[in-house]
């Protein structure tokens, strides 16, 4: 990076106070879970069988036949 990026502005609650990270996470989850396409992508991504530890162990210590 040639120059530092500016910090993003924090969102404000309806009463003018800053929102907490918990409120921002809850808002994001409501958005994702409320959209059927994003919900499917998030569900698949969270349960995808990418590289489970068992596969690594079986590949490394494969029993000889």
Protein backbone atom coordinates (compact mmCIF):
# COMPACT_ATOMS: atom_id res chain seq x y z
CA UNK A 1 0.00 0.00 0.00
CA UNK A 2 1.34 3.36 -0.92
CA UNK A 3 -0.77 5.32 1.51
CA UNK A 4 -2.90 4.22 4.45
CA UNK A 5 -6.62 3.92 3.95
CA UNK A 6 -9.00 6.07 5.91
CA UNK A 7 -10.94 4.38 8.67
CA UNK A 8 -14.57 3.70 7.74
CA UNK A 9 -17.16 5.79 9.52
CA UNK A 10 -18.95 3.88 12.26
CA UNK A 11 -22.68 3.57 11.89
CA UNK A 12 -24.86 5.48 14.27
CA UNK A 13 -27.90 4.12 16.04
CA UNK A 14 -31.25 5.89 15.76
CA UNK A 15 -30.51 7.84 18.95
CA UNK A 16 -27.18 9.12 17.53
CA UNK A 17 -24.91 6.85 19.57
CA UNK A 18 -22.40 4.46 18.03
CA UNK A 19 -23.57 0.92 17.39
CA UNK A 20 -21.78 -1.93 19.12
CA UNK A 21 -19.99 -4.68 17.18
CA UNK A 22 -22.66 -7.09 18.45
CA UNK A 23 -25.40 -4.96 16.87
CA UNK A 24 -23.48 -4.79 13.59
CA UNK A 25 -22.96 -8.58 13.53
CA UNK A 26 -26.66 -9.14 14.28
CA UNK A 27 -27.62 -6.79 11.44
CA UNK A 28 -25.33 -8.64 9.03
CA UNK A 29 -26.72 -12.03 10.06
CA UNK A 30 -30.28 -10.77 9.62
CA UNK A 31 -29.38 -9.57 6.13
CA UNK A 32 -27.69 -12.82 5.08
CA UNK A 33 -30.29 -15.11 6.65
CA UNK A 34 -33.10 -13.01 5.19
CA UNK A 35 -31.87 -13.51 1.62
CA UNK A 36 -32.50 -17.03 0.31
CA UNK A 37 -29.51 -16.98 -2.07
CA UNK A 38 -27.03 -15.70 0.50
CA UNK A 39 -28.45 -18.11 3.09
CA UNK A 40 -27.70 -21.08 0.80
CA UNK A 41 -24.20 -19.84 0.02
CA UNK A 42 -23.44 -19.28 3.71
CA UNK A 43 -24.86 -22.68 4.65
CA UNK A 44 -22.82 -24.49 2.02
CA UNK A 45 -19.69 -22.55 2.85
CA UNK A 46 -19.97 -23.31 6.56
CA UNK A 47 -20.42 -27.06 6.03
CA UNK A 48 -18.19 -27.65 2.99
CA UNK A 49 -15.85 -30.62 3.30
CA UNK A 50 -12.70 -28.78 2.25
CA UNK A 51 -9.83 -30.37 4.13
CA UNK A 52 -10.94 -32.28 7.20
CA UNK A 53 -8.15 -33.41 9.52
CA UNK A 54 -9.06 -37.06 8.95
CA UNK A 55 -8.29 -36.83 5.26
CA UNK A 56 -4.83 -35.44 6.01
CA UNK A 57 -4.11 -38.26 8.46
CA UNK A 58 -5.36 -40.92 6.02
CA UNK A 59 -3.21 -39.47 3.24
CA UNK A 60 -0.10 -39.20 5.40
CA UNK A 61 -0.41 -42.55 7.16
CA UNK A 62 -2.05 -44.63 4.45
CA UNK A 63 -1.98 -48.30 5.45
CA UNK A 64 -0.17 -50.52 2.96
CA UNK A 65 -2.39 -53.01 1.13
